[in-house]
Amino acid sequence: MQLIDKYSRRFQYLRLSITELCNFKCQYCLPDGYHPNRDHKFLSINEIDNVVAAFTELGVHKVRLTGGEPTLRRDFIDILALLSSYPTIKVRAVTTNGSRLVKNIDQWQAAGLNAINISIDSLSPHVFKMITGQDKLFELLRGVDRTLELGIKRVKINTVLMKNSNDNLVDYLAWIKDRAIDLRFIELMETGEDRTLFDRYHLSGSKIEKQLIEQGWQLQQKEQLAGPAKLYIHEDYQGKIGLIMPYSKDFCQNCNRLRISSIGKLHYCLFGDAAVDLRELLAAPTLREALKARILSSLSIKPEKHLLHDHNVGITENLSYIGG
């Protein structure tokens, strides 16, 4: 059995949110900080085990832990070790704001982490604090360098593009010249809670792409389990630059990921208008066949594409709920 939808897209990549909790106040996600939802009981490690087991049996080879801020979970290392116990999971990744990176990256690697995305929305301390609400830029940069020292090969930096705030390439290019990282610019996406912010700060990634091409950067072919970024390389730079442009033509054509929320709902699109509740089937391994059957039967609801161009953001109020 494999996860293939009616548009012949194959899904080998699972984004698994393990908490909505976050300790940053990013303008484009939780500008007022995280406010607990008492109705939301996050997945237990046993439920996570059953999710991962089902999806690996359906052909998933890459699992990314997301949030909120996933590293805030007390059992985060145990969850990493759980992923490592599945030999068919080739990529065991996390997306983090980096607040615990310096102190914990050694332990995370020892537990099996082999890929990491770190959110750094500016290399200017002032702008970084303005966007995230935190004065931790230099701490994050030390964490990035420590990650590289450990030899983790899949190191990516996520930067959400915001017009007239962090869209100057000069500092970024100098930083990645001698660092083997993928710097990924992500277009600001509209959600239910940030329409005003979107109108003010949205910038097309095509502006950055044009500058890269003019400076001799070349488009690189994607790897099999890669995400949606268009990746550019340059012979004078160790680092690479990726562009995630959800408003570009045919962005959804090669979608290869599914999402599980921190409360056990299967989302087929970050901006979809429906989700399938799996929680009742996560209680025990004996429910595995029923769980896989529900996943497969509901795959038909995955839309061909999002409707962001029509300002239809589906049920996504903010990105911490599903994990971005």
C-alpha atoms as a PDB file:
ATOM      1  CA  MET A   1       0.000   0.000   0.000  1.00  0.00           C
ATOM      2  CA  GLN A   2       1.249   3.461  -0.907  1.00  0.00           C
ATOM      3  CA  LEU A   3      -0.020   6.973  -0.408  1.00  0.00           C
ATOM      4  CA  ILE A   4      -0.946   8.165  -3.898  1.00  0.00           C
ATOM      5  CA  ASP A   5      -3.765  10.643  -4.495  1.00  0.00           C
ATOM      6  CA  LYS A   6      -6.097  11.012  -7.476  1.00  0.00           C
ATOM      7  CA  TYR A   7      -3.643  13.456  -9.081  1.00  0.00           C
ATOM      8  CA  SER A   8      -0.917  10.744  -9.055  1.00  0.00           C
ATOM      9  CA  ARG A   9       1.111  12.506  -6.359  1.00  0.00           C
ATOM     10  CA  ARG A  10       3.022  10.165  -4.059  1.00  0.00           C
ATOM     11  CA  PHE A  11       3.498  11.010  -0.384  1.00  0.00           C
ATOM     12  CA  GLN A  12       6.637   9.831   1.410  1.00  0.00           C
ATOM     13  CA  TYR A  13       7.027  12.807   3.748  1.00  0.00           C
ATOM     14  CA  LEU A  14       5.108  13.378   7.003  1.00  0.00           C
ATOM     15  CA  ARG A  15       5.133  16.615   8.965  1.00  0.00           C
ATOM     16  CA  LEU A  16       4.164  15.720  12.517  1.00  0.00           C
ATOM     17  CA  SER A  17       3.246  18.524  14.903  1.00  0.00           C
ATOM     18  CA  ILE A  18       3.809  17.534  18.530  1.00  0.00           C
ATOM     19  CA  THR A  19       2.770  20.758  20.288  1.00  0.00           C
ATOM     20  CA  GLU A  20       1.181  24.148  19.632  1.00  0.00           C
ATOM     21  CA  LEU A  21       3.212  25.717  22.448  1.00  0.00           C
ATOM     22  CA  CYS A  22       5.800  28.304  21.367  1.00  0.00           C
ATOM     23  CA  ASN A  23       8.099  30.660  23.274  1.00  0.00           C
ATOM     24  CA  PHE A  24       8.502  33.203  20.453  1.00  0.00           C
ATOM     25  CA  LYS A  25       6.081  35.923  19.340  1.00  0.00           C
ATOM     26  CA  CYS A  26       6.663  36.031  15.597  1.00  0.00           C
ATOM     27  CA  GLN A  27       4.602  38.685  13.847  1.00  0.00           C
ATOM     28  CA  TYR A  28       3.422  36.307  11.125  1.00  0.00           C
ATOM     29  CA  CYS A  29       2.348  33.494  13.479  1.00  0.00           C
ATOM     30  CA  LEU A  30       1.718  34.306  17.172  1.00  0.00           C
ATOM     31  CA  PRO A  31       2.309  38.062  17.590  1.00  0.00           C
ATOM     32  CA  ASP A  32       0.642  38.035  21.016  1.00  0.00           C
ATOM     33  CA  GLY A  33       2.344  34.830  22.098  1.00  0.00           C
ATOM     34  CA  TYR A  34       0.846  31.387  22.601  1.00  0.00           C
ATOM     35  CA  HIS A  35      -2.410  31.167  24.566  1.00  0.00           C
ATOM     36  CA  PRO A  36      -3.177  27.639  25.820  1.00  0.00           C
ATOM     37  CA  ASN A  37      -6.271  25.919  24.496  1.00  0.00           C
ATOM     38  CA  ARG A  38      -7.613  23.754  27.320  1.00  0.00           C
ATOM     39  CA  ASP A  39      -9.469  21.548  24.843  1.00  0.00           C
ATOM     40  CA  HIS A  40      -6.232  20.572  23.122  1.00  0.00           C
ATOM     41  CA  LYS A  41      -4.460  17.602  24.649  1.00  0.00           C
ATOM     42  CA  PHE A  42      -1.364  16.963  22.590  1.00  0.00           C
ATOM     43  CA  LEU A  43      -0.508  13.525  21.244  1.00  0.00           C
ATOM     44  CA  SER A  44       1.181  11.188  23.716  1.00  0.00           C
ATOM     45  CA  ILE A  45       4.395   9.410  22.765  1.00  0.00           C
ATOM     46  CA  ASN A  46       2.431   6.154  22.389  1.00  0.00           C
ATOM     47  CA  GLU A  47      -0.005   7.846  20.010  1.00  0.00           C
ATOM     48  CA  ILE A  48       2.937   9.305  18.091  1.00  0.00           C
ATOM     49  CA  ASP A  49       4.410   5.804  17.843  1.00  0.00           C
ATOM     50  CA  ASN A  50       1.182   4.496  16.321  1.00  0.00           C
ATOM     51  CA  VAL A  51       1.037   7.396  13.853  1.00  0.00           C
ATOM     52  CA  VAL A  52       4.619   6.831  12.737  1.00  0.00           C
ATOM     53  CA  ALA A  53       4.165   3.065  12.465  1.00  0.00           C
ATOM     54  CA  ALA A  54       1.115   3.450  10.229  1.00  0.00           C
ATOM     55  CA  PHE A  55       2.713   5.984   7.919  1.00  0.00           C
ATOM     56  CA  THR A  56       5.961   4.045   7.559  1.00  0.00           C
ATOM     57  CA  GLU A  57       3.937   0.990   6.555  1.00  0.00           C
ATOM     58  CA  LEU A  58       2.287   3.203   3.926  1.00  0.00           C
ATOM     59  CA  GLY A  59       5.640   4.235   2.440  1.00  0.00           C
ATOM     60  CA  VAL A  60       6.708   7.343   4.376  1.00  0.00           C
ATOM     61  CA  HIS A  61      10.520   7.681   4.612  1.00  0.00           C
ATOM     62  CA  LYS A  62      10.851  11.209   6.005  1.00  0.00           C
ATOM     63  CA  VAL A  63       9.349  12.557   9.241  1.00  0.00           C
ATOM     64  CA  ARG A  64       9.712  16.148  10.392  1.00  0.00           C
ATOM     65  CA  LEU A  65       8.756  17.149  13.938  1.00  0.00           C
ATOM     66  CA  THR A  66       7.103  20.566  14.020  1.00  0.00           C
ATOM     67  CA  GLY A  67       5.039  22.757  16.319  1.00  0.00           C
ATOM     68  CA  GLY A  68       4.667  25.387  17.747  1.00  0.00           C
ATOM     69  CA  GLU A  69       8.153  24.834  19.059  1.00  0.00           C
ATOM     70  CA  PRO A  70       8.589  21.044  19.202  1.00  0.00           C
ATOM     71  CA  THR A  71      11.700  21.118  21.395  1.00  0.00           C
ATOM     72  CA  LEU A  72       9.632  22.493  24.294  1.00  0.00           C
ATOM     73  CA  ARG A  73       8.189  19.043  24.881  1.00  0.00           C
ATOM     74  CA  ARG A  74       9.862  17.382  27.858  1.00  0.00           C
ATOM     75  CA  ASP A  75       9.940  14.070  25.993  1.00  0.00           C
ATOM     76  CA  PHE A  76      11.369  15.550  22.796  1.00  0.00           C
ATOM     77  CA  ILE A  77      14.535  13.412  22.920  1.00  0.00           C
ATOM     78  CA  ASP A  78      12.404  10.317  23.529  1.00  0.00           C
ATOM     79  CA  ILE A  79      10.372  11.157  20.423  1.00  0.00           C
ATOM     80  CA  LEU A  80      13.569  11.514  18.380  1.00  0.00           C
ATOM     81  CA  ALA A  81      14.749   8.143  19.660  1.00  0.00           C
ATOM     82  CA  LEU A  82      11.390   6.690  18.678  1.00  0.00           C
ATOM     83  CA  LEU A  83      11.822   7.881  15.093  1.00  0.00           C
ATOM     84  CA  SER A  84      15.319   6.389  15.076  1.00  0.00           C
ATOM     85  CA  SER A  85      13.893   2.986  15.957  1.00  0.00           C
ATOM     86  CA  TYR A  86      12.254   2.811  12.518  1.00  0.00           C
ATOM     87  CA  PRO A  87      14.957   1.755  10.013  1.00  0.00           C
ATOM     88  CA  THR A  88      12.857   2.812   7.015  1.00  0.00           C
ATOM     89  CA  ILE A  89      12.791   6.462   8.150  1.00  0.00           C
ATOM     90  CA  LYS A  90      15.753   7.886   6.246  1.00  0.00           C
ATOM     91  CA  VAL A  91      15.306  11.514   7.297  1.00  0.00           C
ATOM     92  CA  ARG A  92      14.555  12.389  10.941  1.00  0.00           C
ATOM     93  CA  ALA A  93      14.102  16.140  10.990  1.00  0.00           C
ATOM     94  CA  VAL A  94      12.909  18.973  13.178  1.00  0.00           C
ATOM     95  CA  THR A  95      11.887  22.555  12.519  1.00  0.00           C
ATOM     96  CA  THR A  96      12.840  24.786  15.462  1.00  0.00           C
ATOM     97  CA  ASN A  97      13.107  28.440  16.400  1.00  0.00           C
ATOM     98  CA  GLY A  98      16.565  27.574  17.751  1.00  0.00           C
ATOM     99  CA  SER A  99      15.967  28.773  21.298  1.00  0.00           C
ATOM    100  CA  ARG A 100      17.335  25.498  22.723  1.00  0.00           C
ATOM    101  CA  LEU A 101      19.817  24.728  19.977  1.00  0.00           C
ATOM    102  CA  VAL A 102      23.154  25.606  21.597  1.00  0.00           C
ATOM    103  CA  LYS A 103      22.485  23.624  24.773  1.00  0.00           C
ATOM    104  CA  ASN A 104      20.846  20.583  23.207  1.00  0.00           C
ATOM    105  CA  ILE A 105      21.965  19.930  19.618  1.00  0.00           C
ATOM    106  CA  ASP A 106      24.575  17.369  20.747  1.00  0.00           C
ATOM    107  CA  GLN A 107      21.899  15.353  22.555  1.00  0.00           C
ATOM    108  CA  TRP A 108      19.478  15.627  19.646  1.00  0.00           C
ATOM    109  CA  GLN A 109      22.049  14.280  17.241  1.00  0.00           C
ATOM    110  CA  ALA A 110      22.864  11.427  19.615  1.00  0.00           C
ATOM    111  CA  ALA A 111      19.142  10.567  19.697  1.00  0.00           C
ATOM    112  CA  GLY A 112      19.061  10.264  15.909  1.00  0.00           C
ATOM    113  CA  LEU A 113      18.364  13.718  14.490  1.00  0.00           C
ATOM    114  CA  ASN A 114      19.954  14.001  11.021  1.00  0.00           C
ATOM    115  CA  ALA A 115      18.214  17.048   9.540  1.00  0.00           C
ATOM    116  CA  ILE A 116      17.243  20.406  11.009  1.00  0.00           C
ATOM    117  CA  ASN A 117      15.490  23.589   9.913  1.00  0.00           C
ATOM    118  CA  ILE A 118      16.218  26.648  12.054  1.00  0.00           C
ATOM    119  CA  SER A 119      14.084  29.768  11.773  1.00  0.00           C
ATOM    120  CA  ILE A 120      16.201  32.933  11.530  1.00  0.00           C
ATOM    121  CA  ASP A 121      14.173  35.773  10.062  1.00  0.00           C
ATOM    122  CA  SER A 122      16.951  38.352   9.935  1.00  0.00           C
ATOM    123  CA  LEU A 123      20.697  38.683  10.489  1.00  0.00           C
ATOM    124  CA  SER A 124      20.120  42.133  11.969  1.00  0.00           C
ATOM    125  CA  PRO A 125      19.621  41.925  15.773  1.00  0.00           C
ATOM    126  CA  HIS A 126      17.145  44.825  15.669  1.00  0.00           C
ATOM    127  CA  VAL A 127      15.018  43.380  12.866  1.00  0.00           C
ATOM    128  CA  PHE A 128      15.212  39.869  14.322  1.00  0.00           C
ATOM    129  CA  LYS A 129      13.818  41.133  17.630  1.00  0.00           C
ATOM    130  CA  MET A 130      11.134  43.143  15.841  1.00  0.00           C
ATOM    131  CA  ILE A 131       9.907  40.070  13.931  1.00  0.00           C
ATOM    132  CA  THR A 132      10.241  37.403  16.656  1.00  0.00           C
ATOM    133  CA  GLY A 133       9.867  39.333  19.899  1.00  0.00           C
ATOM    134  CA  GLN A 134      13.153  37.801  21.109  1.00  0.00           C
ATOM    135  CA  ASP A 135      16.685  39.174  21.460  1.00  0.00           C
ATOM    136  CA  LYS A 136      18.394  35.847  20.717  1.00  0.00           C
ATOM    137  CA  LEU A 137      19.962  36.226  17.285  1.00  0.00           C
ATOM    138  CA  PHE A 138      23.594  35.706  18.320  1.00  0.00           C
ATOM    139  CA  GLU A 139      22.663  32.707  20.455  1.00  0.00           C
ATOM    140  CA  LEU A 140      20.937  31.171  17.428  1.00  0.00           C
ATOM    141  CA  LEU A 141      23.928  31.847  15.190  1.00  0.00           C
ATOM    142  CA  ARG A 142      26.210  30.072  17.691  1.00  0.00           C
ATOM    143  CA  GLY A 143      23.791  27.177  17.605  1.00  0.00           C
ATOM    144  CA  VAL A 144      23.968  27.017  13.808  1.00  0.00           C
ATOM    145  CA  ASP A 145      27.762  26.905  13.897  1.00  0.00           C
ATOM    146  CA  ARG A 146      27.697  24.156  16.536  1.00  0.00           C
ATOM    147  CA  THR A 147      25.284  22.159  14.374  1.00  0.00           C
ATOM    148  CA  LEU A 148      27.695  22.418  11.450  1.00  0.00           C
ATOM    149  CA  GLU A 149      30.613  21.413  13.690  1.00  0.00           C
ATOM    150  CA  LEU A 150      28.766  18.207  14.569  1.00  0.00           C
ATOM    151  CA  GLY A 151      28.599  17.286  10.910  1.00  0.00           C
ATOM    152  CA  ILE A 152      24.819  17.291  10.495  1.00  0.00           C
ATOM    153  CA  LYS A 153      24.529  17.479   6.723  1.00  0.00           C
ATOM    154  CA  ARG A 154      20.962  18.670   6.235  1.00  0.00           C
ATOM    155  CA  VAL A 155      21.025  22.128   7.855  1.00  0.00           C
ATOM    156  CA  LYS A 156      18.485  24.643   6.590  1.00  0.00           C
ATOM    157  CA  ILE A 157      17.724  28.183   7.687  1.00  0.00           C
ATOM    158  CA  ASN A 158      14.144  29.387   7.243  1.00  0.00           C
ATOM    159  CA  THR A 159      13.581  33.091   6.628  1.00  0.00           C
ATOM    160  CA  VAL A 160      10.029  34.346   6.124  1.00  0.00           C
ATOM    161  CA  LEU A 161      10.258  37.191   3.612  1.00  0.00           C
ATOM    162  CA  MET A 162       8.834  40.492   4.835  1.00  0.00           C
ATOM    163  CA  LYS A 163       8.908  43.482   2.517  1.00  0.00           C
ATOM    164  CA  ASN A 164      11.311  46.275   3.525  1.00  0.00           C
ATOM    165  CA  SER A 165      12.365  44.317   6.608  1.00  0.00           C
ATOM    166  CA  ASN A 166      14.556  41.345   5.714  1.00  0.00           C
ATOM    167  CA  ASP A 167      14.676  41.234   1.923  1.00  0.00           C
ATOM    168  CA  ASN A 168      18.237  42.520   1.407  1.00  0.00           C
ATOM    169  CA  LEU A 169      20.460  39.723   0.090  1.00  0.00           C
ATOM    170  CA  VAL A 170      23.857  41.204   0.945  1.00  0.00           C
ATOM    171  CA  ASP A 171      24.166  40.054   4.569  1.00  0.00           C
ATOM    172  CA  TYR A 172      22.774  36.610   3.822  1.00  0.00           C
ATOM    173  CA  LEU A 173      25.203  35.998   0.961  1.00  0.00           C
ATOM    174  CA  ALA A 174      28.189  36.929   3.122  1.00  0.00           C
ATOM    175  CA  TRP A 175      26.978  34.590   5.878  1.00  0.00           C
ATOM    176  CA  ILE A 176      26.518  31.492   3.696  1.00  0.00           C
ATOM    177  CA  LYS A 177      29.684  31.966   1.638  1.00  0.00           C
ATOM    178  CA  ASP A 178      31.672  29.611   3.877  1.00  0.00           C
ATOM    179  CA  ARG A 179      28.843  27.704   5.565  1.00  0.00           C
ATOM    180  CA  ALA A 180      27.337  24.547   4.039  1.00  0.00           C
ATOM    181  CA  ILE A 181      23.716  25.394   4.750  1.00  0.00           C
ATOM    182  CA  ASP A 182      20.558  25.881   2.718  1.00  0.00           C
ATOM    183  CA  LEU A 183      19.153  29.360   3.296  1.00  0.00           C
ATOM    184  CA  ARG A 184      15.488  29.257   2.347  1.00  0.00           C
ATOM    185  CA  PHE A 185      13.373  32.339   1.750  1.00  0.00           C
ATOM    186  CA  ILE A 186       9.696  31.584   2.359  1.00  0.00           C
ATOM    187  CA  GLU A 187       7.009  33.873   1.020  1.00  0.00           C
ATOM    188  CA  LEU A 188       4.766  35.274   3.730  1.00  0.00           C
ATOM    189  CA  MET A 189       1.464  33.384   3.567  1.00  0.00           C
ATOM    190  CA  GLU A 190      -1.920  34.709   4.547  1.00  0.00           C
ATOM    191  CA  THR A 191      -3.731  33.014   7.439  1.00  0.00           C
ATOM    192  CA  GLY A 192      -7.012  33.705   9.181  1.00  0.00           C
ATOM    193  CA  GLU A 193      -5.340  35.866  11.826  1.00  0.00           C
ATOM    194  CA  ASP A 194      -2.831  37.863   9.749  1.00  0.00           C
ATOM    195  CA  ARG A 195      -4.630  39.387   6.751  1.00  0.00           C
ATOM    196  CA  THR A 196      -3.561  42.941   7.621  1.00  0.00           C
ATOM    197  CA  LEU A 197       0.060  41.884   8.135  1.00  0.00           C
ATOM    198  CA  PHE A 198      -0.016  39.981   4.842  1.00  0.00           C
ATOM    199  CA  ASP A 199      -1.211  43.024   2.899  1.00  0.00           C
ATOM    200  CA  ARG A 200       1.556  45.143   4.410  1.00  0.00           C
ATOM    201  CA  TYR A 201       4.528  42.786   4.205  1.00  0.00           C
ATOM    202  CA  HIS A 202       3.960  40.190   1.481  1.00  0.00           C
ATOM    203  CA  LEU A 203       6.753  40.067  -1.080  1.00  0.00           C
ATOM    204  CA  SER A 204       7.028  37.683  -4.012  1.00  0.00           C
ATOM    205  CA  GLY A 205      10.066  35.399  -3.923  1.00  0.00           C
ATOM    206  CA  SER A 206      10.509  36.161  -7.619  1.00  0.00           C
ATOM    207  CA  LYS A 207      12.249  39.394  -6.583  1.00  0.00           C
ATOM    208  CA  ILE A 208      14.963  37.401  -4.805  1.00  0.00           C
ATOM    209  CA  GLU A 209      15.072  34.844  -7.619  1.00  0.00           C
ATOM    210  CA  LYS A 210      15.751  37.539 -10.191  1.00  0.00           C
ATOM    211  CA  GLN A 211      18.673  38.888  -8.134  1.00  0.00           C
ATOM    212  CA  LEU A 212      20.147  35.401  -7.762  1.00  0.00           C
ATOM    213  CA  ILE A 213      20.014  34.679 -11.475  1.00  0.00           C
ATOM    214  CA  GLU A 214      21.601  38.053 -12.261  1.00  0.00           C
ATOM    215  CA  GLN A 215      24.459  37.159  -9.883  1.00  0.00           C
ATOM    216  CA  GLY A 216      25.151  33.807 -11.520  1.00  0.00           C
ATOM    217  CA  TRP A 217      23.236  31.404  -9.286  1.00  0.00           C
ATOM    218  CA  GLN A 218      22.068  28.201 -10.987  1.00  0.00           C
ATOM    219  CA  LEU A 219      18.908  26.172 -10.363  1.00  0.00           C
ATOM    220  CA  GLN A 220      19.667  22.715  -8.913  1.00  0.00           C
ATOM    221  CA  GLN A 221      17.674  19.539  -9.492  1.00  0.00           C
ATOM    222  CA  LYS A 222      15.597  18.386  -6.507  1.00  0.00           C
ATOM    223  CA  GLU A 223      16.267  15.281  -4.431  1.00  0.00           C
ATOM    224  CA  GLN A 224      13.511  12.671  -4.105  1.00  0.00           C
ATOM    225  CA  LEU A 225      12.368  13.542  -0.573  1.00  0.00           C
ATOM    226  CA  ALA A 226      12.962  17.294  -0.896  1.00  0.00           C
ATOM    227  CA  GLY A 227      10.355  19.879  -0.025  1.00  0.00           C
ATOM    228  CA  PRO A 228       8.876  22.515  -2.361  1.00  0.00           C
ATOM    229  CA  ALA A 229      11.874  24.876  -2.469  1.00  0.00           C
ATOM    230  CA  LYS A 230      13.539  25.853  -5.741  1.00  0.00           C
ATOM    231  CA  LEU A 231      17.221  25.457  -4.835  1.00  0.00           C
ATOM    232  CA  TYR A 232      19.979  27.643  -6.299  1.00  0.00           C
ATOM    233  CA  ILE A 233      23.730  27.013  -6.136  1.00  0.00           C
ATOM    234  CA  HIS A 234      26.821  29.108  -6.945  1.00  0.00           C
ATOM    235  CA  GLU A 235      30.376  27.903  -7.419  1.00  0.00           C
ATOM    236  CA  ASP A 236      31.729  30.623  -5.117  1.00  0.00           C
ATOM    237  CA  TYR A 237      29.492  29.688  -2.179  1.00  0.00           C
ATOM    238  CA  GLN A 238      29.380  26.671   0.128  1.00  0.00           C
ATOM    239  CA  GLY A 239      25.797  27.527   1.023  1.00  0.00           C
ATOM    240  CA  LYS A 240      22.725  27.246  -1.169  1.00  0.00           C
ATOM    241  CA  ILE A 241      19.607  29.380  -1.446  1.00  0.00           C
ATOM    242  CA  GLY A 242      16.114  27.969  -1.623  1.00  0.00           C
ATOM    243  CA  LEU A 243      12.917  29.779  -2.536  1.00  0.00           C
ATOM    244  CA  ILE A 244       9.510  28.613  -1.326  1.00  0.00           C
ATOM    245  CA  MET A 245       6.917  30.491  -3.349  1.00  0.00           C
ATOM    246  CA  PRO A 246       3.393  29.188  -2.667  1.00  0.00           C
ATOM    247  CA  TYR A 247       1.869  31.908  -4.836  1.00  0.00           C
ATOM    248  CA  SER A 248       3.839  30.812  -7.904  1.00  0.00           C
ATOM    249  CA  LYS A 249       2.295  28.860 -10.792  1.00  0.00           C
ATOM    250  CA  ASP A 250       1.928  25.089 -10.283  1.00  0.00           C
ATOM    251  CA  PHE A 251       3.349  25.250  -6.725  1.00  0.00           C
ATOM    252  CA  CYS A 252       1.161  22.330  -5.593  1.00  0.00           C
ATOM    253  CA  GLN A 253       1.823  20.122  -8.614  1.00  0.00           C
ATOM    254  CA  ASN A 254       4.590  18.113  -6.943  1.00  0.00           C
ATOM    255  CA  CYS A 255       3.310  18.122  -3.362  1.00  0.00           C
ATOM    256  CA  ASN A 256       4.842  15.199  -1.456  1.00  0.00           C
ATOM    257  CA  ARG A 257       3.875  15.789   2.194  1.00  0.00           C
ATOM    258  CA  LEU A 258       1.000  15.167   4.567  1.00  0.00           C
ATOM    259  CA  ARG A 259       0.474  16.760   7.970  1.00  0.00           C
ATOM    260  CA  ILE A 260      -0.659  15.523  11.358  1.00  0.00           C
ATOM    261  CA  SER A 261      -1.667  18.187  13.874  1.00  0.00           C
ATOM    262  CA  SER A 262      -0.662  18.041  17.527  1.00  0.00           C
ATOM    263  CA  ILE A 263      -4.151  16.764  18.406  1.00  0.00           C
ATOM    264  CA  GLY A 264      -4.176  13.928  15.886  1.00  0.00           C
ATOM    265  CA  LYS A 265      -5.897  15.367  12.831  1.00  0.00           C
ATOM    266  CA  LEU A 266      -4.686  14.559   9.324  1.00  0.00           C
ATOM    267  CA  HIS A 267      -4.392  17.657   7.150  1.00  0.00           C
ATOM    268  CA  TYR A 268      -3.862  17.113   3.437  1.00  0.00           C
ATOM    269  CA  CYS A 269      -3.033  20.770   2.832  1.00  0.00           C
ATOM    270  CA  LEU A 270      -1.682  23.523   5.052  1.00  0.00           C
ATOM    271  CA  PHE A 271      -4.527  25.686   3.767  1.00  0.00           C
ATOM    272  CA  GLY A 272      -7.193  23.036   3.294  1.00  0.00           C
ATOM    273  CA  ASP A 273     -10.760  23.420   4.496  1.00  0.00           C
ATOM    274  CA  ALA A 274     -11.016  19.942   6.020  1.00  0.00           C
ATOM    275  CA  ALA A 275      -9.133  17.544   8.297  1.00  0.00           C
ATOM    276  CA  VAL A 276      -9.614  13.895   9.205  1.00  0.00           C
ATOM    277  CA  ASP A 277      -9.619  12.995  12.905  1.00  0.00           C
ATOM    278  CA  LEU A 278      -7.400   9.953  13.556  1.00  0.00           C
ATOM    279  CA  ARG A 279      -7.224  10.176  17.322  1.00  0.00           C
ATOM    280  CA  GLU A 280      -9.650   7.386  18.198  1.00  0.00           C
ATOM    281  CA  LEU A 281      -7.478   4.999  16.163  1.00  0.00           C
ATOM    282  CA  LEU A 282      -4.195   5.962  17.841  1.00  0.00           C
ATOM    283  CA  ALA A 283      -4.865   4.327  21.195  1.00  0.00           C
ATOM    284  CA  ALA A 284      -3.305   0.944  20.450  1.00  0.00           C
ATOM    285  CA  PRO A 285      -1.315  -0.960  17.798  1.00  0.00           C
ATOM    286  CA  THR A 286      -4.285  -3.318  17.412  1.00  0.00           C
ATOM    287  CA  LEU A 287      -6.087  -0.498  15.594  1.00  0.00           C
ATOM    288  CA  ARG A 288      -3.289  -0.169  13.011  1.00  0.00           C
ATOM    289  CA  GLU A 289      -5.157  -1.679  10.064  1.00  0.00           C
ATOM    290  CA  ALA A 290      -8.202   0.511  10.699  1.00  0.00           C
ATOM    291  CA  LEU A 291      -5.911   3.529  11.012  1.00  0.00           C
ATOM    292  CA  LYS A 292      -4.228   2.824   7.687  1.00  0.00           C
ATOM    293  CA  ALA A 293      -7.589   2.239   6.047  1.00  0.00           C
ATOM    294  CA  ARG A 294      -8.892   5.603   7.240  1.00  0.00           C
ATOM    295  CA  ILE A 295      -5.759   7.366   5.990  1.00  0.00           C
ATOM    296  CA  LEU A 296      -6.002   5.731   2.578  1.00  0.00           C
ATOM    297  CA  SER A 297      -9.737   6.177   2.135  1.00  0.00           C
ATOM    298  CA  SER A 298      -9.648   9.849   3.060  1.00  0.00           C
ATOM    299  CA  LEU A 299      -6.756  10.690   0.750  1.00  0.00           C
ATOM    300  CA  SER A 300      -9.359  11.543  -1.873  1.00  0.00           C
ATOM    301  CA  ILE A 301     -10.161  14.824  -0.112  1.00  0.00           C
ATOM    302  CA  LYS A 302      -6.705  16.249  -0.795  1.00  0.00           C
ATOM    303  CA  PRO A 303      -7.267  19.168  -3.189  1.00  0.00           C
ATOM    304  CA  GLU A 304      -5.328  19.660  -6.389  1.00  0.00           C
ATOM    305  CA  LYS A 305      -4.099  23.035  -5.162  1.00  0.00           C
ATOM    306  CA  HIS A 306      -4.576  25.634  -2.465  1.00  0.00           C
ATOM    307  CA  LEU A 307      -6.788  28.684  -2.949  1.00  0.00           C
ATOM    308  CA  LEU A 308      -4.480  31.334  -1.474  1.00  0.00           C
ATOM    309  CA  HIS A 309      -4.793  33.455  -4.615  1.00  0.00           C
ATOM    310  CA  ASP A 310      -8.472  33.867  -3.751  1.00  0.00           C
ATOM    311  CA  HIS A 311      -7.609  34.734  -0.115  1.00  0.00           C
ATOM    312  CA  ASN A 312      -9.113  31.405   0.915  1.00  0.00           C
ATOM    313  CA  VAL A 313      -6.898  30.147   3.760  1.00  0.00           C
ATOM    314  CA  GLY A 314      -9.099  27.225   4.754  1.00  0.00           C
ATOM    315  CA  ILE A 315      -9.154  26.375   8.455  1.00  0.00           C
ATOM    316  CA  THR A 316      -5.651  27.691   9.157  1.00  0.00           C
ATOM    317  CA  GLU A 317      -5.988  30.442  11.744  1.00  0.00           C
ATOM    318  CA  ASN A 318      -2.246  30.492  12.476  1.00  0.00           C
ATOM    319  CA  LEU A 319       0.744  28.347  11.555  1.00  0.00           C
ATOM    320  CA  SER A 320       1.403  26.974  15.053  1.00  0.00           C
ATOM    321  CA  TYR A 321      -1.699  24.775  14.897  1.00  0.00           C
ATOM    322  CA  ILE A 322      -0.561  22.513  12.044  1.00  0.00           C
ATOM    323  CA  GLY A 323       3.151  23.211  12.103  1.00  0.00           C
ATOM    324  CA  GLY A 324       3.662  25.380   9.017  1.00  0.00           C
END
